[in-house]
Amino acid sequence: MTIRIDSRRLALRPLAAADIDRVAEYLGDYEVSKMLSRVPHPYDRADGLEKLRSAEANAACWPDIEEIGFAIDHDGGLVGAISFRALHETPVIGYWLGRPYWGQGLMGEAMLAALGWLFATREVAAVEASVMQENPASVALLRKAGFAIIGSEDCSSLSRCAAVPAVRLRLERADFLGSSNT
């Protein structure tokens, strides 16, 4: 099954082989990868191809999947990605955006579209996120989408080979569906 989610400026769609060079370029940027828990640094084309194989295998198991990810297209090309893991529990959202696209409101738009899709297609009570404390822009993005801070924790970082302090956030289904975000 192929899932595509369209918003005003973006298309969220499955990762494709044509995306791998851009994925490697953007995730190869340490300023991006250092804020992500599951991305090593350096990140190269081989890492991107492995991610693509994993995404394709996962898609073949729809709807009985544990994780789903979307490439984020803007003006005809990949600019980032957004995903949900632990779909049979309380899903955890993860995302990244290539540095040339920071500060344009693209991730906020992608997040609202992805959350809308998640709550429309899955019977989940909430979504959670873990954001490194040194990433206040990401915390602000989640708060703007309706997430509430529920605590702190340590978050592993493959790119840093260390655990770093993080903020844990949660968005209740009823809060999202009852807000002006939908």
N, C-alpha and C. Protein backbone atom coordinates (compact mmCIF):
# COMPACT_ATOMS: atom_id res chain seq x y z
N MET A 1 0.85 -1.18 0.00
CA MET A 1 0.00 0.00 0.00
C MET A 1 0.89 1.24 0.00
N THR A 2 0.56 2.18 -0.86
CA THR A 2 1.30 3.44 -0.92
C THR A 2 0.44 4.53 -0.30
N ILE A 3 1.00 5.21 0.67
CA ILE A 3 0.28 6.27 1.35
C ILE A 3 0.89 7.59 0.95
N ARG A 4 0.05 8.54 0.58
CA ARG A 4 0.49 9.89 0.24
C ARG A 4 -0.41 10.86 1.00
N ILE A 5 0.22 11.83 1.64
CA ILE A 5 -0.50 12.86 2.39
C ILE A 5 -0.09 14.20 1.80
N ASP A 6 -1.06 14.99 1.37
CA ASP A 6 -0.77 16.30 0.80
C ASP A 6 -1.20 17.40 1.75
N SER A 7 -0.37 18.43 1.84
CA SER A 7 -0.72 19.64 2.59
C SER A 7 -0.58 20.81 1.62
N ARG A 8 -0.68 22.00 2.12
CA ARG A 8 -0.64 23.18 1.24
C ARG A 8 0.62 23.24 0.39
N ARG A 9 1.79 23.03 1.00
CA ARG A 9 3.06 23.14 0.27
C ARG A 9 3.82 21.83 0.14
N LEU A 10 3.34 20.78 0.77
CA LEU A 10 4.14 19.56 0.90
C LEU A 10 3.40 18.32 0.45
N ALA A 11 4.18 17.30 0.11
CA ALA A 11 3.65 15.95 -0.10
C ALA A 11 4.46 15.03 0.80
N LEU A 12 3.77 14.22 1.58
CA LEU A 12 4.40 13.20 2.40
C LEU A 12 4.13 11.88 1.70
N ARG A 13 5.21 11.14 1.39
CA ARG A 13 5.09 9.94 0.59
C ARG A 13 6.20 8.98 0.96
N PRO A 14 6.13 7.73 0.47
CA PRO A 14 7.19 6.77 0.80
C PRO A 14 8.56 7.23 0.28
N LEU A 15 9.59 6.84 0.98
CA LEU A 15 10.96 7.08 0.55
C LEU A 15 11.19 6.31 -0.74
N ALA A 16 11.93 6.90 -1.69
CA ALA A 16 12.22 6.26 -2.97
C ALA A 16 13.72 6.26 -3.24
N ALA A 17 14.14 5.40 -4.13
CA ALA A 17 15.57 5.30 -4.47
C ALA A 17 16.11 6.65 -4.94
N ALA A 18 15.29 7.44 -5.63
CA ALA A 18 15.73 8.75 -6.13
C ALA A 18 16.04 9.73 -4.99
N ASP A 19 15.60 9.42 -3.77
CA ASP A 19 15.82 10.30 -2.62
C ASP A 19 17.17 10.09 -1.93
N ILE A 20 17.82 8.97 -2.19
CA ILE A 20 18.95 8.56 -1.37
C ILE A 20 20.08 9.58 -1.34
N ASP A 21 20.41 10.19 -2.46
CA ASP A 21 21.50 11.18 -2.45
C ASP A 21 21.18 12.37 -1.56
N ARG A 22 19.94 12.84 -1.61
CA ARG A 22 19.56 13.97 -0.75
C ARG A 22 19.50 13.57 0.72
N VAL A 23 19.00 12.35 0.99
CA VAL A 23 18.98 11.86 2.37
C VAL A 23 20.41 11.83 2.91
N ALA A 24 21.32 11.27 2.14
CA ALA A 24 22.72 11.18 2.57
C ALA A 24 23.32 12.57 2.76
N GLU A 25 23.00 13.49 1.88
CA GLU A 25 23.51 14.86 2.01
C GLU A 25 23.00 15.52 3.28
N TYR A 26 21.70 15.48 3.51
CA TYR A 26 21.12 16.18 4.66
C TYR A 26 21.45 15.51 5.99
N LEU A 27 21.39 14.17 6.03
CA LEU A 27 21.72 13.49 7.28
C LEU A 27 23.23 13.39 7.50
N GLY A 28 23.99 13.62 6.45
CA GLY A 28 25.44 13.69 6.58
C GLY A 28 25.91 14.99 7.21
N ASP A 29 25.00 15.95 7.34
CA ASP A 29 25.29 17.23 8.00
C ASP A 29 25.19 17.02 9.51
N TYR A 30 26.30 17.18 10.19
CA TYR A 30 26.33 16.92 11.64
C TYR A 30 25.34 17.79 12.40
N GLU A 31 25.07 19.00 11.92
CA GLU A 31 24.10 19.87 12.60
C GLU A 31 22.70 19.26 12.58
N VAL A 32 22.41 18.41 11.61
CA VAL A 32 21.14 17.69 11.56
C VAL A 32 21.25 16.41 12.38
N SER A 33 22.24 15.58 12.09
CA SER A 33 22.32 14.26 12.73
C SER A 33 22.56 14.33 14.24
N LYS A 34 23.20 15.36 14.72
CA LYS A 34 23.47 15.42 16.16
C LYS A 34 22.21 15.60 17.00
N MET A 35 21.12 16.01 16.39
CA MET A 35 19.86 16.19 17.11
C MET A 35 18.93 14.98 16.99
N LEU A 36 19.43 13.91 16.37
CA LEU A 36 18.61 12.72 16.14
C LEU A 36 19.17 11.54 16.93
N SER A 37 18.30 10.73 17.46
CA SER A 37 18.77 9.62 18.29
C SER A 37 19.26 8.44 17.46
N ARG A 38 18.63 8.16 16.32
CA ARG A 38 18.90 6.91 15.61
C ARG A 38 19.69 7.09 14.31
N VAL A 39 20.39 8.21 14.18
CA VAL A 39 21.15 8.46 12.96
C VAL A 39 22.63 8.57 13.30
N PRO A 40 23.46 7.74 12.67
CA PRO A 40 24.90 7.81 12.94
C PRO A 40 25.55 8.99 12.20
N HIS A 41 26.74 9.32 12.61
CA HIS A 41 27.54 10.29 11.87
C HIS A 41 28.94 9.75 11.77
N PRO A 42 29.53 9.68 10.63
CA PRO A 42 28.96 10.18 9.37
C PRO A 42 27.83 9.28 8.84
N TYR A 43 26.99 9.87 8.03
CA TYR A 43 25.88 9.18 7.38
C TYR A 43 26.15 9.28 5.89
N ASP A 44 26.06 8.15 5.20
CA ASP A 44 26.38 8.17 3.78
C ASP A 44 25.31 7.45 2.95
N ARG A 45 25.58 7.34 1.67
CA ARG A 45 24.63 6.73 0.74
C ARG A 45 24.28 5.29 1.14
N ALA A 46 25.25 4.52 1.62
CA ALA A 46 24.97 3.14 2.04
C ALA A 46 23.97 3.12 3.20
N ASP A 47 24.09 4.06 4.14
CA ASP A 47 23.11 4.16 5.23
C ASP A 47 21.73 4.47 4.67
N GLY A 48 21.66 5.36 3.69
CA GLY A 48 20.39 5.71 3.06
C GLY A 48 19.75 4.53 2.35
N LEU A 49 20.57 3.73 1.65
CA LEU A 49 20.04 2.55 0.97
C LEU A 49 19.51 1.52 1.96
N GLU A 50 20.19 1.37 3.09
CA GLU A 50 19.70 0.46 4.13
C GLU A 50 18.36 0.94 4.68
N LYS A 51 18.22 2.24 4.88
CA LYS A 51 16.96 2.81 5.36
C LYS A 51 15.85 2.57 4.34
N LEU A 52 16.17 2.72 3.06
CA LEU A 52 15.19 2.48 2.01
C LEU A 52 14.74 1.01 2.01
N ARG A 53 15.66 0.07 2.12
CA ARG A 53 15.30 -1.35 2.17
C ARG A 53 14.39 -1.64 3.36
N SER A 54 14.71 -1.06 4.49
CA SER A 54 13.89 -1.25 5.69
C SER A 54 12.50 -0.67 5.50
N ALA A 55 12.42 0.51 4.91
CA ALA A 55 11.12 1.15 4.68
C ALA A 55 10.28 0.34 3.70
N GLU A 56 10.90 -0.19 2.66
CA GLU A 56 10.16 -1.00 1.68
C GLU A 56 9.65 -2.30 2.31
N ALA A 57 10.45 -2.92 3.14
CA ALA A 57 10.03 -4.15 3.81
C ALA A 57 8.87 -3.87 4.77
N ASN A 58 8.97 -2.75 5.47
CA ASN A 58 7.92 -2.35 6.41
C ASN A 58 6.61 -2.09 5.67
N ALA A 59 6.67 -1.38 4.55
CA ALA A 59 5.47 -1.02 3.79
C ALA A 59 4.73 -2.27 3.30
N ALA A 60 5.48 -3.31 3.01
CA ALA A 60 4.86 -4.55 2.52
C ALA A 60 4.00 -5.21 3.58
N CYS A 61 4.17 -4.84 4.83
CA CYS A 61 3.43 -5.45 5.93
C CYS A 61 2.24 -4.61 6.39
N TRP A 62 1.90 -3.55 5.68
CA TRP A 62 0.79 -2.68 6.07
C TRP A 62 -0.48 -3.51 6.18
N PRO A 63 -1.35 -3.35 7.15
CA PRO A 63 -1.29 -2.37 8.23
C PRO A 63 -0.61 -2.88 9.50
N ASP A 64 -0.11 -4.10 9.47
CA ASP A 64 0.51 -4.68 10.68
C ASP A 64 1.98 -4.28 10.79
N ILE A 65 2.22 -3.01 10.91
CA ILE A 65 3.59 -2.50 10.98
C ILE A 65 3.84 -1.85 12.33
N GLU A 66 5.06 -1.78 12.71
CA GLU A 66 5.45 -1.12 13.96
C GLU A 66 5.95 0.30 13.71
N GLU A 67 6.36 0.57 12.47
CA GLU A 67 6.93 1.89 12.15
C GLU A 67 6.56 2.27 10.74
N ILE A 68 6.29 3.55 10.53
CA ILE A 68 6.04 4.07 9.19
C ILE A 68 6.73 5.42 9.06
N GLY A 69 7.33 5.63 7.92
CA GLY A 69 8.01 6.89 7.67
C GLY A 69 7.58 7.49 6.35
N PHE A 70 7.71 8.79 6.26
CA PHE A 70 7.35 9.52 5.06
C PHE A 70 8.48 10.44 4.65
N ALA A 71 8.80 10.46 3.38
CA ALA A 71 9.67 11.49 2.83
C ALA A 71 8.83 12.75 2.73
N ILE A 72 9.43 13.89 2.97
CA ILE A 72 8.73 15.17 2.86
C ILE A 72 9.23 15.85 1.59
N ASP A 73 8.31 16.04 0.63
CA ASP A 73 8.63 16.71 -0.62
C ASP A 73 8.18 18.16 -0.57
N HIS A 74 9.03 19.05 -1.08
CA HIS A 74 8.69 20.46 -1.23
C HIS A 74 9.27 20.93 -2.55
N ASP A 75 8.46 21.53 -3.38
CA ASP A 75 8.90 21.99 -4.70
C ASP A 75 9.58 20.88 -5.50
N GLY A 76 9.02 19.66 -5.42
CA GLY A 76 9.48 18.57 -6.26
C GLY A 76 10.68 17.79 -5.77
N GLY A 77 11.15 18.04 -4.55
CA GLY A 77 12.29 17.28 -4.06
C GLY A 77 12.20 17.03 -2.57
N LEU A 78 12.91 16.00 -2.13
CA LEU A 78 12.94 15.65 -0.71
C LEU A 78 13.66 16.73 0.09
N VAL A 79 13.03 17.12 1.21
CA VAL A 79 13.64 18.12 2.11
C VAL A 79 13.81 17.58 3.52
N GLY A 80 13.17 16.44 3.82
CA GLY A 80 13.25 15.87 5.16
C GLY A 80 12.41 14.62 5.26
N ALA A 81 12.15 14.20 6.48
CA ALA A 81 11.34 13.00 6.70
C ALA A 81 10.66 13.10 8.05
N ILE A 82 9.58 12.34 8.18
CA ILE A 82 8.84 12.27 9.44
C ILE A 82 8.37 10.83 9.60
N SER A 83 8.38 10.33 10.83
CA SER A 83 8.01 8.94 11.04
C SER A 83 7.31 8.75 12.37
N PHE A 84 6.67 7.60 12.48
CA PHE A 84 6.08 7.15 13.73
C PHE A 84 6.57 5.73 13.97
N ARG A 85 7.05 5.46 15.18
CA ARG A 85 7.42 4.10 15.55
C ARG A 85 6.57 3.69 16.74
N ALA A 86 6.60 2.41 17.07
CA ALA A 86 5.80 1.84 18.16
C ALA A 86 4.30 2.05 17.89
N LEU A 87 3.89 1.80 16.66
CA LEU A 87 2.49 2.04 16.27
C LEU A 87 1.48 1.18 17.02
N HIS A 88 1.89 0.05 17.58
CA HIS A 88 0.96 -0.81 18.32
C HIS A 88 0.96 -0.48 19.81
N GLU A 89 1.69 0.55 20.18
CA GLU A 89 1.73 1.01 21.58
C GLU A 89 1.33 2.49 21.56
N THR A 90 2.09 3.33 22.24
CA THR A 90 1.93 4.77 22.10
C THR A 90 2.96 5.21 21.08
N PRO A 91 2.51 5.61 19.88
CA PRO A 91 3.47 5.98 18.84
C PRO A 91 4.41 7.10 19.29
N VAL A 92 5.62 7.05 18.74
CA VAL A 92 6.63 8.07 18.99
C VAL A 92 6.95 8.71 17.65
N ILE A 93 6.83 10.02 17.59
CA ILE A 93 7.11 10.75 16.36
C ILE A 93 8.59 11.12 16.31
N GLY A 94 9.14 11.05 15.12
CA GLY A 94 10.50 11.48 14.87
C GLY A 94 10.53 12.23 13.54
N TYR A 95 11.46 13.14 13.39
CA TYR A 95 11.50 13.93 12.16
C TYR A 95 12.85 14.62 12.00
N TRP A 96 13.13 14.99 10.78
CA TRP A 96 14.30 15.80 10.48
C TRP A 96 14.04 16.60 9.21
N LEU A 97 14.77 17.68 9.09
CA LEU A 97 14.65 18.56 7.94
C LEU A 97 16.05 18.98 7.53
N GLY A 98 16.34 18.96 6.23
CA GLY A 98 17.63 19.42 5.74
C GLY A 98 17.85 20.88 6.12
N ARG A 99 19.08 21.21 6.49
CA ARG A 99 19.37 22.56 6.99
C ARG A 99 18.94 23.69 6.04
N PRO A 100 19.04 23.54 4.71
CA PRO A 100 18.59 24.64 3.84
C PRO A 100 17.11 24.99 4.00
N TYR A 101 16.34 24.12 4.64
CA TYR A 101 14.89 24.32 4.75
C TYR A 101 14.44 24.71 6.16
N TRP A 102 15.37 24.90 7.07
CA TRP A 102 15.02 25.32 8.42
C TRP A 102 14.41 26.72 8.40
N GLY A 103 13.50 26.95 9.33
CA GLY A 103 12.94 28.30 9.52
C GLY A 103 11.89 28.71 8.52
N GLN A 104 11.35 27.78 7.74
CA GLN A 104 10.34 28.11 6.73
C GLN A 104 8.95 27.58 7.09
N GLY A 105 8.81 26.98 8.26
CA GLY A 105 7.53 26.43 8.67
C GLY A 105 7.17 25.11 8.02
N LEU A 106 8.11 24.51 7.31
CA LEU A 106 7.81 23.27 6.60
C LEU A 106 7.57 22.10 7.55
N MET A 107 8.38 21.97 8.60
CA MET A 107 8.20 20.83 9.49
C MET A 107 6.90 20.96 10.28
N GLY A 108 6.53 22.15 10.66
CA GLY A 108 5.25 22.32 11.34
C GLY A 108 4.09 21.87 10.46
N GLU A 109 4.15 22.22 9.19
CA GLU A 109 3.11 21.82 8.24
C GLU A 109 3.11 20.30 8.05
N ALA A 110 4.30 19.72 7.91
CA ALA A 110 4.42 18.27 7.73
C ALA A 110 3.91 17.54 8.97
N MET A 111 4.25 18.06 10.14
CA MET A 111 3.85 17.42 11.38
C MET A 111 2.33 17.40 11.53
N LEU A 112 1.69 18.51 11.27
CA LEU A 112 0.22 18.56 11.39
C LEU A 112 -0.44 17.60 10.40
N ALA A 113 0.09 17.52 9.19
CA ALA A 113 -0.47 16.60 8.19
C ALA A 113 -0.27 15.15 8.64
N ALA A 114 0.92 14.83 9.13
CA ALA A 114 1.20 13.46 9.56
C ALA A 114 0.37 13.08 10.79
N LEU A 115 0.27 13.98 11.73
CA LEU A 115 -0.55 13.71 12.92
C LEU A 115 -2.02 13.53 12.55
N GLY A 116 -2.51 14.35 11.65
CA GLY A 116 -3.89 14.21 11.18
C GLY A 116 -4.13 12.84 10.57
N TRP A 117 -3.17 12.40 9.74
CA TRP A 117 -3.27 11.07 9.13
C TRP A 117 -3.25 9.99 10.21
N LEU A 118 -2.30 10.09 11.15
CA LEU A 118 -2.17 9.07 12.19
C LEU A 118 -3.47 8.92 12.98
N PHE A 119 -4.01 10.03 13.46
CA PHE A 119 -5.22 9.95 14.27
C PHE A 119 -6.45 9.54 13.46
N ALA A 120 -6.42 9.77 12.15
CA ALA A 120 -7.55 9.36 11.30
C ALA A 120 -7.49 7.87 10.96
N THR A 121 -6.29 7.27 10.98
CA THR A 121 -6.16 5.90 10.51
C THR A 121 -5.82 4.89 11.59
N ARG A 122 -5.39 5.34 12.74
CA ARG A 122 -5.00 4.43 13.82
C ARG A 122 -5.77 4.79 15.08
N GLU A 123 -6.16 3.79 15.82
CA GLU A 123 -6.85 4.00 17.09
C GLU A 123 -5.82 4.13 18.21
N VAL A 124 -5.15 5.25 18.25
CA VAL A 124 -4.16 5.51 19.29
C VAL A 124 -4.65 6.64 20.17
N ALA A 125 -4.35 6.55 21.45
CA ALA A 125 -4.82 7.55 22.41
C ALA A 125 -3.93 8.79 22.44
N ALA A 126 -2.65 8.61 22.06
CA ALA A 126 -1.70 9.72 22.16
C ALA A 126 -0.48 9.42 21.31
N VAL A 127 0.34 10.45 21.14
CA VAL A 127 1.64 10.35 20.46
C VAL A 127 2.66 10.99 21.39
N GLU A 128 3.85 10.42 21.46
CA GLU A 128 4.90 10.99 22.29
C GLU A 128 6.10 11.36 21.45
N ALA A 129 6.98 12.17 22.04
CA ALA A 129 8.21 12.59 21.39
C ALA A 129 9.28 12.77 22.46
N SER A 130 10.51 12.61 22.06
CA SER A 130 11.64 12.88 22.92
C SER A 130 12.57 13.81 22.14
N VAL A 131 12.88 14.95 22.73
CA VAL A 131 13.67 15.97 22.05
C VAL A 131 14.84 16.36 22.93
N MET A 132 16.01 16.41 22.33
CA MET A 132 17.18 16.82 23.09
C MET A 132 17.00 18.24 23.63
N GLN A 133 17.36 18.43 24.90
CA GLN A 133 17.16 19.73 25.55
C GLN A 133 17.83 20.87 24.81
N GLU A 134 18.92 20.59 24.13
CA GLU A 134 19.63 21.65 23.42
C GLU A 134 19.00 21.98 22.07
N ASN A 135 17.80 21.46 21.83
CA ASN A 135 17.09 21.74 20.59
C ASN A 135 15.76 22.45 20.89
N PRO A 136 15.84 23.70 21.37
CA PRO A 136 14.61 24.41 21.75
C PRO A 136 13.66 24.65 20.58
N ALA A 137 14.19 24.73 19.35
CA ALA A 137 13.30 24.93 18.20
C ALA A 137 12.37 23.74 18.02
N SER A 138 12.89 22.54 18.25
CA SER A 138 12.07 21.34 18.11
C SER A 138 11.03 21.25 19.24
N VAL A 139 11.44 21.61 20.44
CA VAL A 139 10.48 21.64 21.55
C VAL A 139 9.36 22.63 21.23
N ALA A 140 9.72 23.81 20.73
CA ALA A 140 8.72 24.83 20.39
C ALA A 140 7.79 24.33 19.28
N LEU A 141 8.32 23.63 18.30
CA LEU A 141 7.52 23.08 17.22
C LEU A 141 6.47 22.10 17.75
N LEU A 142 6.91 21.21 18.62
CA LEU A 142 5.98 20.24 19.21
C LEU A 142 4.94 20.92 20.09
N ARG A 143 5.37 21.89 20.87
CA ARG A 143 4.41 22.63 21.73
C ARG A 143 3.37 23.34 20.87
N LYS A 144 3.80 23.93 19.76
CA LYS A 144 2.87 24.62 18.86
C LYS A 144 1.84 23.64 18.28
N ALA A 145 2.25 22.39 18.07
CA ALA A 145 1.34 21.36 17.56
C ALA A 145 0.42 20.81 18.65
N GLY A 146 0.63 21.23 19.91
CA GLY A 146 -0.24 20.80 20.99
C GLY A 146 0.37 19.83 21.98
N PHE A 147 1.62 19.44 21.79
CA PHE A 147 2.29 18.53 22.72
C PHE A 147 2.54 19.24 24.05
N ALA A 148 2.43 18.49 25.13
CA ALA A 148 2.71 19.00 26.48
C ALA A 148 3.96 18.29 27.00
N ILE A 149 4.77 19.01 27.73
CA ILE A 149 5.95 18.42 28.34
C ILE A 149 5.50 17.54 29.50
N ILE A 150 5.98 16.29 29.52
CA ILE A 150 5.58 15.36 30.57
C ILE A 150 6.77 14.90 31.41
N GLY A 151 7.96 15.36 31.08
CA GLY A 151 9.11 14.97 31.88
C GLY A 151 10.42 15.12 31.14
N SER A 152 11.44 14.57 31.75
CA SER A 152 12.76 14.58 31.13
C SER A 152 13.34 13.18 31.19
N GLU A 153 14.32 12.93 30.36
CA GLU A 153 14.96 11.63 30.27
C GLU A 153 16.30 11.79 29.59
N ASP A 154 17.04 10.72 29.51
CA ASP A 154 18.23 10.70 28.68
C ASP A 154 17.86 10.07 27.35
N CYS A 155 18.41 10.62 26.29
CA CYS A 155 18.14 10.17 24.93
C CYS A 155 19.47 9.73 24.32
N SER A 156 19.51 8.54 23.77
CA SER A 156 20.74 8.09 23.13
C SER A 156 20.92 8.84 21.81
N SER A 157 22.17 9.07 21.46
CA SER A 157 22.51 9.74 20.21
C SER A 157 23.59 8.92 19.51
N LEU A 158 23.24 8.26 18.41
CA LEU A 158 24.23 7.48 17.67
C LEU A 158 25.33 8.37 17.12
N SER A 159 24.97 9.56 16.66
CA SER A 159 25.98 10.43 16.06
C SER A 159 27.00 10.92 17.08
N ARG A 160 26.60 11.02 18.33
CA ARG A 160 27.50 11.49 19.39
C ARG A 160 28.09 10.34 20.20
N CYS A 161 27.56 9.15 20.01
CA CYS A 161 27.96 7.97 20.80
C CYS A 161 27.81 8.25 22.28
N ALA A 162 26.70 8.87 22.65
CA ALA A 162 26.47 9.25 24.05
C ALA A 162 24.98 9.43 24.29
N ALA A 163 24.64 9.47 25.56
CA ALA A 163 23.28 9.84 25.97
C ALA A 163 23.29 11.32 26.30
N VAL A 164 22.22 12.00 25.91
CA VAL A 164 22.12 13.43 26.16
C VAL A 164 20.77 13.72 26.84
N PRO A 165 20.70 14.78 27.64
CA PRO A 165 19.44 15.13 28.30
C PRO A 165 18.36 15.48 27.26
N ALA A 166 17.15 15.00 27.53
CA ALA A 166 16.04 15.22 26.61
C ALA A 166 14.78 15.58 27.37
N VAL A 167 13.85 16.15 26.63
CA VAL A 167 12.52 16.50 27.13
C VAL A 167 11.54 15.51 26.52
N ARG A 168 10.65 14.98 27.33
CA ARG A 168 9.61 14.05 26.85
C ARG A 168 8.31 14.84 26.72
N LEU A 169 7.63 14.67 25.58
CA LEU A 169 6.38 15.38 25.32
C LEU A 169 5.31 14.40 24.87
N ARG A 170 4.05 14.80 25.04
CA ARG A 170 2.92 13.93 24.70
C ARG A 170 1.78 14.78 24.14
N LEU A 171 1.13 14.24 23.13
CA LEU A 171 -0.06 14.86 22.53
C LEU A 171 -1.20 13.86 22.63
N GLU A 172 -2.24 14.25 23.34
CA GLU A 172 -3.42 13.39 23.47
C GLU A 172 -4.29 13.52 22.21
N ARG A 173 -4.85 12.41 21.78
CA ARG A 173 -5.70 12.38 20.61
C ARG A 173 -6.84 13.42 20.70
N ALA A 174 -7.51 13.44 21.84
CA ALA A 174 -8.65 14.35 22.00
C ALA A 174 -8.20 15.80 21.90
N ASP A 175 -7.03 16.11 22.42
CA ASP A 175 -6.52 17.49 22.33
C ASP A 175 -6.24 17.87 20.87
N PHE A 176 -5.64 16.96 20.12
CA PHE A 176 -5.35 17.26 18.71
C PHE A 176 -6.63 17.40 17.91
N LEU A 177 -7.54 16.44 18.06
CA LEU A 177 -8.77 16.47 17.28
C LEU A 177 -9.67 17.63 17.68
N GLY A 178 -9.57 18.09 18.91
CA GLY A 178 -10.39 19.21 19.36
C GLY A 178 -9.76 20.57 19.15
N SER A 179 -8.54 20.58 18.62
CA SER A 179 -7.84 21.87 18.44
C SER A 179 -8.09 22.42 17.05
N SER A 180 -7.56 23.59 16.81
CA SER A 180 -7.67 24.20 15.49
C SER A 180 -6.60 23.67 14.56
N ASN A 181 -5.76 22.71 15.01
CA ASN A 181 -4.72 22.13 14.17
C ASN A 181 -5.29 21.27 13.05
N THR A 182 -6.46 20.67 13.28
CA THR A 182 -6.98 19.70 12.31
C THR A 182 -7.68 20.35 11.15
